[in-house]
Amino acid sequence: MIFGLNVSLVWLVAGLALLPGNSLATISKFAASVTKPTAQTQVQTLSDQAMPVARNGLKPPALTATAVYAVDVETGTVLLSKNADQPRPIASITKLATVITYLSRHNLNDTITVPPLPAYQAGAELIGLKPGERYKTQDIVAAALIPSANDAADTLALSDAGSLEEFSKSMQEQLANWGIEGAQFSNPTGLTTGTSLNQVSAAGVANMGQLLVRNPQLRQLVQTQTQTISSLEGRPLSLATTNQLLKNSQFNGIKTGYTPEAGQCFVSLATVNGHQIVTVVLGSQDRFGETEQLVNWIKRSYEWL
């Protein structure tokens, strides 16, 4: 176990807390200004926060996940880290990067016209968007986040950049600008493209999740179990979450992912002893069960002083 303070994450989150709730357009400005604080300002901010302290030396649970990460949102204290800095396949967790990249340049209240979409293999998660239909951006974002619809993610990407390849480059550049290094994207969905896999470290995934939930509207979406959206032409579509842990009131989101190459992946936002915790499991054989084990271990192992 690695126990300590992730200072860059602390200051990324502290700065993002000041962002307006209806847009992510100023993330780049804030992230650049807060990832290298002075020692004096670090101490001043952290002195006002309750710090998680290990209390009983309980051994962490034995998880099948190839990478594991858990962090206290308020202070950036790393509660558990296993292979958390090495980029790994993240499957549909990719859609977090897709959404925050798109919204760094667009508004949730904008209108999107569905472009011609690529062909999808059988079994790909889709909601059945039709080229030419118009939707509010917030509804396409909801479709990308709640049921993890690939046609919704591609709609965002193509509407922004004109090609999936160009938008994938933008995703990498934006995450690097926000201090999330080493991310590799070949598409905005997380589907396997030939031999190319979208890869981000578990720590990077946690940072992506925190970027997204700093927007109140997006935070609400990732804890929504069912929702109906409608095109501006009036065609309704039903959305149902892929996140089974939303049935447990301790969990507040945020995103699942799975491909055979990536295994089961999950980034969660949970409440532990009144404090917000982000956890990540990548390459798991039981993402929901192992996330529950991890959160229960944190609850037994830490107190906030």
C-alpha atoms as a PDB file:
ATOM      1  CA  MET A   1       0.000   0.000   0.000  1.00  0.00           C
ATOM      2  CA  ILE A   2       1.132   3.526  -0.758  1.00  0.00           C
ATOM      3  CA  PHE A   3      -0.173   6.131   1.686  1.00  0.00           C
ATOM      4  CA  GLY A   4       0.496   9.790   1.077  1.00  0.00           C
ATOM      5  CA  LEU A   5      -0.527  13.020  -0.505  1.00  0.00           C
ATOM      6  CA  ASN A   6      -1.170  13.545  -4.184  1.00  0.00           C
ATOM      7  CA  VAL A   7      -0.479  17.292  -4.263  1.00  0.00           C
ATOM      8  CA  SER A   8      -1.237  17.822  -7.963  1.00  0.00           C
ATOM      9  CA  LEU A   9      -4.636  16.203  -7.520  1.00  0.00           C
ATOM     10  CA  VAL A  10      -5.365  18.262  -4.407  1.00  0.00           C
ATOM     11  CA  TRP A  11      -4.790  21.487  -6.268  1.00  0.00           C
ATOM     12  CA  LEU A  12      -6.497  20.391  -9.446  1.00  0.00           C
ATOM     13  CA  VAL A  13      -9.627  19.629  -7.428  1.00  0.00           C
ATOM     14  CA  ALA A  14      -9.328  22.776  -5.308  1.00  0.00           C
ATOM     15  CA  GLY A  15      -9.171  24.941  -8.411  1.00  0.00           C
ATOM     16  CA  LEU A  16     -11.992  23.119 -10.191  1.00  0.00           C
ATOM     17  CA  ALA A  17     -14.271  23.645  -7.199  1.00  0.00           C
ATOM     18  CA  LEU A  18     -14.423  27.289  -8.289  1.00  0.00           C
ATOM     19  CA  LEU A  19     -15.623  26.541 -11.804  1.00  0.00           C
ATOM     20  CA  PRO A  20     -19.122  27.593 -12.873  1.00  0.00           C
ATOM     21  CA  GLY A  21     -21.648  24.776 -12.783  1.00  0.00           C
ATOM     22  CA  ASN A  22     -22.860  25.070 -16.371  1.00  0.00           C
ATOM     23  CA  SER A  23     -19.589  24.777 -18.269  1.00  0.00           C
ATOM     24  CA  LEU A  24     -16.196  23.099 -18.280  1.00  0.00           C
ATOM     25  CA  ALA A  25     -14.737  25.657 -20.629  1.00  0.00           C
ATOM     26  CA  THR A  26     -12.345  27.147 -18.066  1.00  0.00           C
ATOM     27  CA  ILE A  27     -10.795  23.879 -16.904  1.00  0.00           C
ATOM     28  CA  SER A  28      -7.632  24.389 -18.921  1.00  0.00           C
ATOM     29  CA  LYS A  29      -6.994  27.805 -17.407  1.00  0.00           C
ATOM     30  CA  PHE A  30      -7.532  26.612 -13.852  1.00  0.00           C
ATOM     31  CA  ALA A  31      -5.666  23.312 -14.156  1.00  0.00           C
ATOM     32  CA  ALA A  32      -2.587  25.071 -15.505  1.00  0.00           C
ATOM     33  CA  SER A  33      -2.572  27.534 -12.637  1.00  0.00           C
ATOM     34  CA  VAL A  34      -3.082  25.158  -9.719  1.00  0.00           C
ATOM     35  CA  THR A  35      -0.951  22.085 -10.422  1.00  0.00           C
ATOM     36  CA  LYS A  36       2.209  23.785  -9.113  1.00  0.00           C
ATOM     37  CA  PRO A  37       1.243  25.606  -5.893  1.00  0.00           C
ATOM     38  CA  THR A  38       3.727  27.040  -3.442  1.00  0.00           C
ATOM     39  CA  ALA A  39       4.540  25.149  -0.244  1.00  0.00           C
ATOM     40  CA  GLN A  40       2.928  27.912   1.803  1.00  0.00           C
ATOM     41  CA  THR A  41      -0.416  27.716   0.004  1.00  0.00           C
ATOM     42  CA  GLN A  42      -0.390  23.907   0.216  1.00  0.00           C
ATOM     43  CA  VAL A  43      -0.120  24.068   3.991  1.00  0.00           C
ATOM     44  CA  GLN A  44      -2.773  26.758   4.296  1.00  0.00           C
ATOM     45  CA  THR A  45      -5.346  24.791   2.302  1.00  0.00           C
ATOM     46  CA  LEU A  46      -4.697  21.375   3.848  1.00  0.00           C
ATOM     47  CA  SER A  47      -4.743  22.738   7.385  1.00  0.00           C
ATOM     48  CA  ASP A  48      -8.467  23.418   6.958  1.00  0.00           C
ATOM     49  CA  GLN A  49      -9.293  19.842   5.915  1.00  0.00           C
ATOM     50  CA  ALA A  50      -9.861  16.692   7.964  1.00  0.00           C
ATOM     51  CA  MET A  51      -7.122  14.264   6.959  1.00  0.00           C
ATOM     52  CA  PRO A  52      -7.677  10.494   6.615  1.00  0.00           C
ATOM     53  CA  VAL A  53      -5.369   8.571   8.943  1.00  0.00           C
ATOM     54  CA  ALA A  54      -4.838   4.779   8.932  1.00  0.00           C
ATOM     55  CA  ARG A  55      -5.986   3.461  12.275  1.00  0.00           C
ATOM     56  CA  ASN A  56      -5.599  -0.297  12.556  1.00  0.00           C
ATOM     57  CA  GLY A  57      -3.243  -1.696   9.929  1.00  0.00           C
ATOM     58  CA  LEU A  58      -5.858  -3.896   8.271  1.00  0.00           C
ATOM     59  CA  LYS A  59      -4.455  -5.692   5.244  1.00  0.00           C
ATOM     60  CA  PRO A  60      -6.028  -4.457   1.967  1.00  0.00           C
ATOM     61  CA  PRO A  61      -8.405  -6.901   0.271  1.00  0.00           C
ATOM     62  CA  ALA A  62      -6.951  -9.321  -2.261  1.00  0.00           C
ATOM     63  CA  LEU A  63      -8.445  -8.111  -5.547  1.00  0.00           C
ATOM     64  CA  THR A  64      -8.174  -9.593  -9.029  1.00  0.00           C
ATOM     65  CA  ALA A  65      -7.931  -6.105 -10.571  1.00  0.00           C
ATOM     66  CA  THR A  66      -4.574  -5.481 -12.241  1.00  0.00           C
ATOM     67  CA  ALA A  67      -4.626  -1.825 -11.141  1.00  0.00           C
ATOM     68  CA  VAL A  68      -6.318  -0.282  -8.099  1.00  0.00           C
ATOM     69  CA  TYR A  69      -6.476   3.264  -6.807  1.00  0.00           C
ATOM     70  CA  ALA A  70      -8.409   5.056  -4.071  1.00  0.00           C
ATOM     71  CA  VAL A  71      -8.152   8.731  -3.128  1.00  0.00           C
ATOM     72  CA  ASP A  72      -9.837  11.086  -0.677  1.00  0.00           C
ATOM     73  CA  VAL A  73     -11.398  13.877  -2.754  1.00  0.00           C
ATOM     74  CA  GLU A  74     -11.068  16.690  -0.217  1.00  0.00           C
ATOM     75  CA  THR A  75      -7.376  16.302   0.542  1.00  0.00           C
ATOM     76  CA  GLY A  76      -6.008  14.234  -2.326  1.00  0.00           C
ATOM     77  CA  THR A  77      -4.676  11.661   0.132  1.00  0.00           C
ATOM     78  CA  VAL A  78      -4.000   8.363  -1.636  1.00  0.00           C
ATOM     79  CA  LEU A  79      -5.640   5.587   0.388  1.00  0.00           C
ATOM     80  CA  LEU A  80      -4.566   2.639  -1.741  1.00  0.00           C
ATOM     81  CA  SER A  81      -2.454   2.306  -4.869  1.00  0.00           C
ATOM     82  CA  LYS A  82      -1.572  -0.805  -6.862  1.00  0.00           C
ATOM     83  CA  ASN A  83       0.018  -0.450 -10.310  1.00  0.00           C
ATOM     84  CA  ALA A  84      -1.785   2.903 -10.455  1.00  0.00           C
ATOM     85  CA  ASP A  85       0.683   4.887 -12.565  1.00  0.00           C
ATOM     86  CA  GLN A  86       0.966   2.537 -15.559  1.00  0.00           C
ATOM     87  CA  PRO A  87      -1.423   3.170 -18.496  1.00  0.00           C
ATOM     88  CA  ARG A  88      -3.872   0.301 -18.917  1.00  0.00           C
ATOM     89  CA  PRO A  89      -6.894  -0.375 -21.127  1.00  0.00           C
ATOM     90  CA  ILE A  90      -9.979   1.412 -19.773  1.00  0.00           C
ATOM     91  CA  ALA A  91     -12.707   0.457 -22.307  1.00  0.00           C
ATOM     92  CA  SER A  92     -15.807   2.676 -21.945  1.00  0.00           C
ATOM     93  CA  ILE A  93     -14.364   4.711 -19.089  1.00  0.00           C
ATOM     94  CA  THR A  94     -12.964   6.515 -22.133  1.00  0.00           C
ATOM     95  CA  LYS A  95     -16.302   8.332 -22.354  1.00  0.00           C
ATOM     96  CA  LEU A  96     -15.370  10.445 -19.333  1.00  0.00           C
ATOM     97  CA  ALA A  97     -12.506  11.885 -21.387  1.00  0.00           C
ATOM     98  CA  THR A  98     -14.808  12.252 -24.393  1.00  0.00           C
ATOM     99  CA  VAL A  99     -17.347  14.273 -22.439  1.00  0.00           C
ATOM    100  CA  ILE A 100     -14.941  16.584 -20.620  1.00  0.00           C
ATOM    101  CA  THR A 101     -12.974  17.197 -23.816  1.00  0.00           C
ATOM    102  CA  TYR A 102     -16.131  18.028 -25.759  1.00  0.00           C
ATOM    103  CA  LEU A 103     -17.430  20.327 -23.015  1.00  0.00           C
ATOM    104  CA  SER A 104     -14.164  22.207 -22.817  1.00  0.00           C
ATOM    105  CA  ARG A 105     -15.287  23.730 -26.127  1.00  0.00           C
ATOM    106  CA  HIS A 106     -19.082  23.455 -26.095  1.00  0.00           C
ATOM    107  CA  ASN A 107     -22.023  24.130 -23.792  1.00  0.00           C
ATOM    108  CA  LEU A 108     -24.535  21.652 -22.413  1.00  0.00           C
ATOM    109  CA  ASN A 109     -27.373  23.790 -23.762  1.00  0.00           C
ATOM    110  CA  ASP A 110     -26.116  23.699 -27.358  1.00  0.00           C
ATOM    111  CA  THR A 111     -27.931  21.733 -30.065  1.00  0.00           C
ATOM    112  CA  ILE A 112     -26.212  18.803 -31.821  1.00  0.00           C
ATOM    113  CA  THR A 113     -27.252  17.341 -35.165  1.00  0.00           C
ATOM    114  CA  VAL A 114     -26.389  13.639 -35.305  1.00  0.00           C
ATOM    115  CA  PRO A 115     -23.775  13.140 -38.065  1.00  0.00           C
ATOM    116  CA  PRO A 116     -23.310  10.024 -40.211  1.00  0.00           C
ATOM    117  CA  LEU A 117     -22.047   7.383 -37.795  1.00  0.00           C
ATOM    118  CA  PRO A 118     -19.622   4.481 -38.262  1.00  0.00           C
ATOM    119  CA  ALA A 119     -20.780   0.887 -38.569  1.00  0.00           C
ATOM    120  CA  TYR A 120     -20.819  -0.974 -35.256  1.00  0.00           C
ATOM    121  CA  GLN A 121     -20.187  -4.610 -34.514  1.00  0.00           C
ATOM    122  CA  ALA A 122     -22.961  -6.747 -33.095  1.00  0.00           C
ATOM    123  CA  GLY A 123     -23.274  -6.281 -29.350  1.00  0.00           C
ATOM    124  CA  ALA A 124     -21.944  -2.727 -29.242  1.00  0.00           C
ATOM    125  CA  GLU A 125     -23.938  -0.593 -26.801  1.00  0.00           C
ATOM    126  CA  LEU A 126     -26.132   1.794 -28.820  1.00  0.00           C
ATOM    127  CA  ILE A 127     -29.257   3.865 -28.226  1.00  0.00           C
ATOM    128  CA  GLY A 128     -30.172   4.126 -31.896  1.00  0.00           C
ATOM    129  CA  LEU A 129     -29.333   7.692 -32.826  1.00  0.00           C
ATOM    130  CA  LYS A 130     -30.257   8.557 -36.406  1.00  0.00           C
ATOM    131  CA  PRO A 131     -28.214  10.901 -38.621  1.00  0.00           C
ATOM    132  CA  GLY A 132     -29.958  14.235 -39.065  1.00  0.00           C
ATOM    133  CA  GLU A 133     -31.796  14.143 -35.741  1.00  0.00           C
ATOM    134  CA  ARG A 134     -31.214  17.074 -33.398  1.00  0.00           C
ATOM    135  CA  TYR A 135     -30.676  16.863 -29.634  1.00  0.00           C
ATOM    136  CA  LYS A 136     -29.603  19.101 -26.817  1.00  0.00           C
ATOM    137  CA  THR A 137     -25.958  18.430 -25.977  1.00  0.00           C
ATOM    138  CA  GLN A 138     -26.913  17.509 -22.417  1.00  0.00           C
ATOM    139  CA  ASP A 139     -29.044  14.631 -23.760  1.00  0.00           C
ATOM    140  CA  ILE A 140     -26.261  13.224 -25.939  1.00  0.00           C
ATOM    141  CA  VAL A 141     -23.908  13.523 -22.955  1.00  0.00           C
ATOM    142  CA  ALA A 142     -26.472  11.696 -20.807  1.00  0.00           C
ATOM    143  CA  ALA A 143     -26.595   8.895 -23.368  1.00  0.00           C
ATOM    144  CA  ALA A 144     -22.803   8.603 -23.370  1.00  0.00           C
ATOM    145  CA  LEU A 145     -22.579   8.481 -19.564  1.00  0.00           C
ATOM    146  CA  ILE A 146     -25.672   6.608 -18.332  1.00  0.00           C
ATOM    147  CA  PRO A 147     -26.012   3.600 -20.714  1.00  0.00           C
ATOM    148  CA  SER A 148     -22.511   4.138 -22.168  1.00  0.00           C
ATOM    149  CA  ALA A 149     -23.887   4.488 -25.695  1.00  0.00           C
ATOM    150  CA  ASN A 150     -21.168   4.343 -28.325  1.00  0.00           C
ATOM    151  CA  ASP A 151     -23.232   6.185 -30.923  1.00  0.00           C
ATOM    152  CA  ALA A 152     -23.623   9.056 -28.445  1.00  0.00           C
ATOM    153  CA  ALA A 153     -19.859   9.281 -27.827  1.00  0.00           C
ATOM    154  CA  ASP A 154     -19.167   9.210 -31.570  1.00  0.00           C
ATOM    155  CA  THR A 155     -21.788  11.912 -32.112  1.00  0.00           C
ATOM    156  CA  LEU A 156     -19.941  14.203 -29.707  1.00  0.00           C
ATOM    157  CA  ALA A 157     -16.594  13.484 -31.324  1.00  0.00           C
ATOM    158  CA  LEU A 158     -17.713  13.880 -34.928  1.00  0.00           C
ATOM    159  CA  SER A 159     -19.714  17.007 -34.156  1.00  0.00           C
ATOM    160  CA  ASP A 160     -16.621  18.599 -32.668  1.00  0.00           C
ATOM    161  CA  ALA A 161     -13.721  17.473 -34.844  1.00  0.00           C
ATOM    162  CA  GLY A 162     -15.226  15.982 -37.995  1.00  0.00           C
ATOM    163  CA  SER A 163     -13.350  12.696 -37.546  1.00  0.00           C
ATOM    164  CA  LEU A 164     -12.847  10.204 -34.739  1.00  0.00           C
ATOM    165  CA  GLU A 165      -9.088  10.302 -35.249  1.00  0.00           C
ATOM    166  CA  GLU A 166      -8.833  14.080 -34.830  1.00  0.00           C
ATOM    167  CA  PHE A 167     -11.034  14.071 -31.753  1.00  0.00           C
ATOM    168  CA  SER A 168      -8.947  11.279 -30.209  1.00  0.00           C
ATOM    169  CA  LYS A 169      -5.875  13.474 -30.618  1.00  0.00           C
ATOM    170  CA  SER A 170      -7.723  16.307 -28.922  1.00  0.00           C
ATOM    171  CA  MET A 171      -8.568  14.044 -25.990  1.00  0.00           C
ATOM    172  CA  GLN A 172      -4.907  13.199 -25.442  1.00  0.00           C
ATOM    173  CA  GLU A 173      -3.886  16.840 -25.711  1.00  0.00           C
ATOM    174  CA  GLN A 174      -6.577  18.063 -23.340  1.00  0.00           C
ATOM    175  CA  LEU A 175      -5.813  15.472 -20.678  1.00  0.00           C
ATOM    176  CA  ALA A 176      -2.114  16.316 -20.896  1.00  0.00           C
ATOM    177  CA  ASN A 177      -2.998  19.991 -20.475  1.00  0.00           C
ATOM    178  CA  TRP A 178      -4.933  19.074 -17.348  1.00  0.00           C
ATOM    179  CA  GLY A 179      -1.961  17.185 -15.900  1.00  0.00           C
ATOM    180  CA  ILE A 180      -3.093  13.657 -16.830  1.00  0.00           C
ATOM    181  CA  GLU A 181      -0.003  12.298 -18.543  1.00  0.00           C
ATOM    182  CA  GLY A 182       0.452   9.187 -20.688  1.00  0.00           C
ATOM    183  CA  ALA A 183      -3.166   8.823 -21.860  1.00  0.00           C
ATOM    184  CA  GLN A 184      -3.547   7.107 -25.234  1.00  0.00           C
ATOM    185  CA  PHE A 185      -6.757   7.243 -27.282  1.00  0.00           C
ATOM    186  CA  SER A 186      -7.592   5.822 -30.691  1.00  0.00           C
ATOM    187  CA  ASN A 187     -11.345   6.509 -30.458  1.00  0.00           C
ATOM    188  CA  PRO A 188     -13.908   8.267 -28.224  1.00  0.00           C
ATOM    189  CA  THR A 189     -15.805   5.115 -27.198  1.00  0.00           C
ATOM    190  CA  GLY A 190     -13.299   2.670 -25.717  1.00  0.00           C
ATOM    191  CA  LEU A 191     -14.116  -0.020 -28.267  1.00  0.00           C
ATOM    192  CA  THR A 192     -11.122  -1.975 -29.502  1.00  0.00           C
ATOM    193  CA  THR A 193      -9.892  -0.539 -32.806  1.00  0.00           C
ATOM    194  CA  GLY A 194      -7.793  -3.185 -34.527  1.00  0.00           C
ATOM    195  CA  THR A 195      -4.943  -3.724 -32.103  1.00  0.00           C
ATOM    196  CA  SER A 196      -5.275  -0.236 -30.556  1.00  0.00           C
ATOM    197  CA  LEU A 197      -6.608   0.115 -27.028  1.00  0.00           C
ATOM    198  CA  ASN A 198      -7.435   3.314 -25.182  1.00  0.00           C
ATOM    199  CA  GLN A 199      -5.165   3.401 -22.146  1.00  0.00           C
ATOM    200  CA  VAL A 200      -4.981   5.599 -19.030  1.00  0.00           C
ATOM    201  CA  SER A 201      -3.443   4.881 -15.637  1.00  0.00           C
ATOM    202  CA  ALA A 202      -5.737   4.171 -12.681  1.00  0.00           C
ATOM    203  CA  ALA A 203      -4.570   7.430 -11.086  1.00  0.00           C
ATOM    204  CA  GLY A 204      -5.339   9.241 -14.342  1.00  0.00           C
ATOM    205  CA  VAL A 205      -8.812   7.699 -14.428  1.00  0.00           C
ATOM    206  CA  ALA A 206      -9.446   9.003 -10.902  1.00  0.00           C
ATOM    207  CA  ASN A 207      -8.436  12.485 -12.031  1.00  0.00           C
ATOM    208  CA  MET A 208     -10.715  12.246 -15.085  1.00  0.00           C
ATOM    209  CA  GLY A 209     -13.595  11.296 -12.836  1.00  0.00           C
ATOM    210  CA  GLN A 210     -12.982  14.205 -10.521  1.00  0.00           C
ATOM    211  CA  LEU A 211     -12.842  16.638 -13.425  1.00  0.00           C
ATOM    212  CA  LEU A 212     -16.252  15.441 -14.558  1.00  0.00           C
ATOM    213  CA  VAL A 213     -18.083  15.394 -11.209  1.00  0.00           C
ATOM    214  CA  ARG A 214     -16.970  18.960 -10.446  1.00  0.00           C
ATOM    215  CA  ASN A 215     -19.766  19.960 -12.827  1.00  0.00           C
ATOM    216  CA  PRO A 216     -23.084  19.593 -10.915  1.00  0.00           C
ATOM    217  CA  GLN A 217     -25.090  18.621 -14.000  1.00  0.00           C
ATOM    218  CA  LEU A 218     -22.614  15.927 -15.004  1.00  0.00           C
ATOM    219  CA  ARG A 219     -22.385  14.689 -11.430  1.00  0.00           C
ATOM    220  CA  GLN A 220     -26.162  14.259 -11.449  1.00  0.00           C
ATOM    221  CA  LEU A 221     -26.031  12.310 -14.707  1.00  0.00           C
ATOM    222  CA  VAL A 222     -23.470   9.772 -13.484  1.00  0.00           C
ATOM    223  CA  GLN A 223     -25.680   8.923 -10.512  1.00  0.00           C
ATOM    224  CA  THR A 224     -28.856   8.611 -12.596  1.00  0.00           C
ATOM    225  CA  GLN A 225     -30.280   5.109 -12.963  1.00  0.00           C
ATOM    226  CA  THR A 226     -32.887   5.751 -15.670  1.00  0.00           C
ATOM    227  CA  GLN A 227     -33.798   8.703 -17.850  1.00  0.00           C
ATOM    228  CA  THR A 228     -35.708   9.447 -21.036  1.00  0.00           C
ATOM    229  CA  ILE A 229     -34.351  11.868 -23.607  1.00  0.00           C
ATOM    230  CA  SER A 230     -36.033  13.116 -26.773  1.00  0.00           C
ATOM    231  CA  SER A 231     -34.819  14.462 -30.068  1.00  0.00           C
ATOM    232  CA  LEU A 232     -35.993  17.957 -30.942  1.00  0.00           C
ATOM    233  CA  GLU A 233     -38.173  16.200 -33.514  1.00  0.00           C
ATOM    234  CA  GLY A 234     -39.908  14.410 -30.623  1.00  0.00           C
ATOM    235  CA  ARG A 235     -38.516  10.851 -30.741  1.00  0.00           C
ATOM    236  CA  PRO A 236     -38.019   9.542 -27.167  1.00  0.00           C
ATOM    237  CA  LEU A 237     -35.152   7.261 -26.140  1.00  0.00           C
ATOM    238  CA  SER A 238     -34.848   5.417 -22.830  1.00  0.00           C
ATOM    239  CA  LEU A 239     -31.542   5.314 -20.940  1.00  0.00           C
ATOM    240  CA  ALA A 240     -30.622   2.817 -18.221  1.00  0.00           C
ATOM    241  CA  THR A 241     -27.395   2.848 -16.239  1.00  0.00           C
ATOM    242  CA  THR A 242     -24.646   0.237 -16.513  1.00  0.00           C
ATOM    243  CA  ASN A 243     -23.615   0.992 -12.908  1.00  0.00           C
ATOM    244  CA  GLN A 244     -25.100  -1.658 -10.627  1.00  0.00           C
ATOM    245  CA  LEU A 245     -23.785   0.008  -7.463  1.00  0.00           C
ATOM    246  CA  LEU A 246     -26.174   2.934  -7.814  1.00  0.00           C
ATOM    247  CA  LYS A 247     -28.668   0.686  -6.053  1.00  0.00           C
ATOM    248  CA  ASN A 248     -26.467   1.131  -2.971  1.00  0.00           C
ATOM    249  CA  SER A 249     -26.922   4.600  -1.449  1.00  0.00           C
ATOM    250  CA  GLN A 250     -23.247   4.679  -0.426  1.00  0.00           C
ATOM    251  CA  PHE A 251     -22.270   5.046  -4.103  1.00  0.00           C
ATOM    252  CA  ASN A 252     -22.820   8.184  -6.168  1.00  0.00           C
ATOM    253  CA  GLY A 253     -21.543   7.214  -9.657  1.00  0.00           C
ATOM    254  CA  ILE A 254     -19.616   7.286 -11.916  1.00  0.00           C
ATOM    255  CA  LYS A 255     -18.585   5.058 -14.928  1.00  0.00           C
ATOM    256  CA  THR A 256     -18.131   1.474 -16.052  1.00  0.00           C
ATOM    257  CA  GLY A 257     -16.095  -0.066 -18.848  1.00  0.00           C
ATOM    258  CA  TYR A 258     -15.595  -3.509 -20.337  1.00  0.00           C
ATOM    259  CA  THR A 259     -13.965  -5.140 -23.312  1.00  0.00           C
ATOM    260  CA  PRO A 260     -12.371  -8.598 -23.376  1.00  0.00           C
ATOM    261  CA  GLU A 261      -8.965  -6.926 -23.674  1.00  0.00           C
ATOM    262  CA  ALA A 262      -9.516  -4.460 -20.810  1.00  0.00           C
ATOM    263  CA  GLY A 263     -11.469  -6.728 -18.495  1.00  0.00           C
ATOM    264  CA  GLN A 264     -13.996  -5.243 -16.107  1.00  0.00           C
ATOM    265  CA  CYS A 265     -13.240  -1.602 -15.258  1.00  0.00           C
ATOM    266  CA  PHE A 266     -14.976   0.801 -12.899  1.00  0.00           C
ATOM    267  CA  VAL A 267     -14.397   4.214 -11.376  1.00  0.00           C
ATOM    268  CA  SER A 268     -16.692   5.042  -8.471  1.00  0.00           C
ATOM    269  CA  LEU A 269     -17.573   7.954  -6.251  1.00  0.00           C
ATOM    270  CA  ALA A 270     -18.504   6.765  -2.780  1.00  0.00           C
ATOM    271  CA  THR A 271     -19.230   8.284   0.626  1.00  0.00           C
ATOM    272  CA  VAL A 272     -17.147   6.906   3.499  1.00  0.00           C
ATOM    273  CA  ASN A 273     -17.652   8.293   6.997  1.00  0.00           C
ATOM    274  CA  GLY A 274     -19.096  11.449   5.477  1.00  0.00           C
ATOM    275  CA  HIS A 275     -16.183  11.926   3.056  1.00  0.00           C
ATOM    276  CA  GLN A 276     -16.084  11.560  -0.729  1.00  0.00           C
ATOM    277  CA  ILE A 277     -13.788   8.832  -2.063  1.00  0.00           C
ATOM    278  CA  VAL A 278     -12.943   8.028  -5.673  1.00  0.00           C
ATOM    279  CA  THR A 279     -11.933   4.425  -6.356  1.00  0.00           C
ATOM    280  CA  VAL A 280     -10.699   2.784  -9.547  1.00  0.00           C
ATOM    281  CA  VAL A 281     -10.376  -0.890 -10.476  1.00  0.00           C
ATOM    282  CA  LEU A 282      -9.024  -1.840 -13.907  1.00  0.00           C
ATOM    283  CA  GLY A 283      -8.778  -5.358 -15.319  1.00  0.00           C
ATOM    284  CA  SER A 284     -11.014  -6.811 -12.617  1.00  0.00           C
ATOM    285  CA  GLN A 285     -12.943 -10.064 -12.703  1.00  0.00           C
ATOM    286  CA  ASP A 286     -15.657  -8.590 -10.432  1.00  0.00           C
ATOM    287  CA  ARG A 287     -15.604  -4.801 -10.661  1.00  0.00           C
ATOM    288  CA  PHE A 288     -18.660  -4.111  -8.510  1.00  0.00           C
ATOM    289  CA  GLY A 289     -17.882  -6.676  -5.816  1.00  0.00           C
ATOM    290  CA  GLU A 290     -14.251  -5.598  -5.624  1.00  0.00           C
ATOM    291  CA  THR A 291     -15.210  -1.927  -5.447  1.00  0.00           C
ATOM    292  CA  GLU A 292     -17.490  -2.727  -2.509  1.00  0.00           C
ATOM    293  CA  GLN A 293     -14.664  -4.639  -0.832  1.00  0.00           C
ATOM    294  CA  LEU A 294     -12.310  -1.713  -1.359  1.00  0.00           C
ATOM    295  CA  VAL A 295     -14.741   0.871   0.021  1.00  0.00           C
ATOM    296  CA  ASN A 296     -15.586  -1.307   3.031  1.00  0.00           C
ATOM    297  CA  TRP A 297     -11.855  -1.721   3.738  1.00  0.00           C
ATOM    298  CA  ILE A 298     -11.376   2.058   3.616  1.00  0.00           C
ATOM    299  CA  LYS A 299     -14.297   2.503   5.998  1.00  0.00           C
ATOM    300  CA  ARG A 300     -12.712   0.112   8.502  1.00  0.00           C
ATOM    301  CA  SER A 301      -9.144   1.278   8.002  1.00  0.00           C
ATOM    302  CA  TYR A 302      -9.296   5.087   8.106  1.00  0.00           C
ATOM    303  CA  GLU A 303     -10.587   7.842  10.314  1.00  0.00           C
ATOM    304  CA  TRP A 304     -10.621  11.547   9.457  1.00  0.00           C
ATOM    305  CA  LEU A 305      -8.883  13.815  11.973  1.00  0.00           C
END
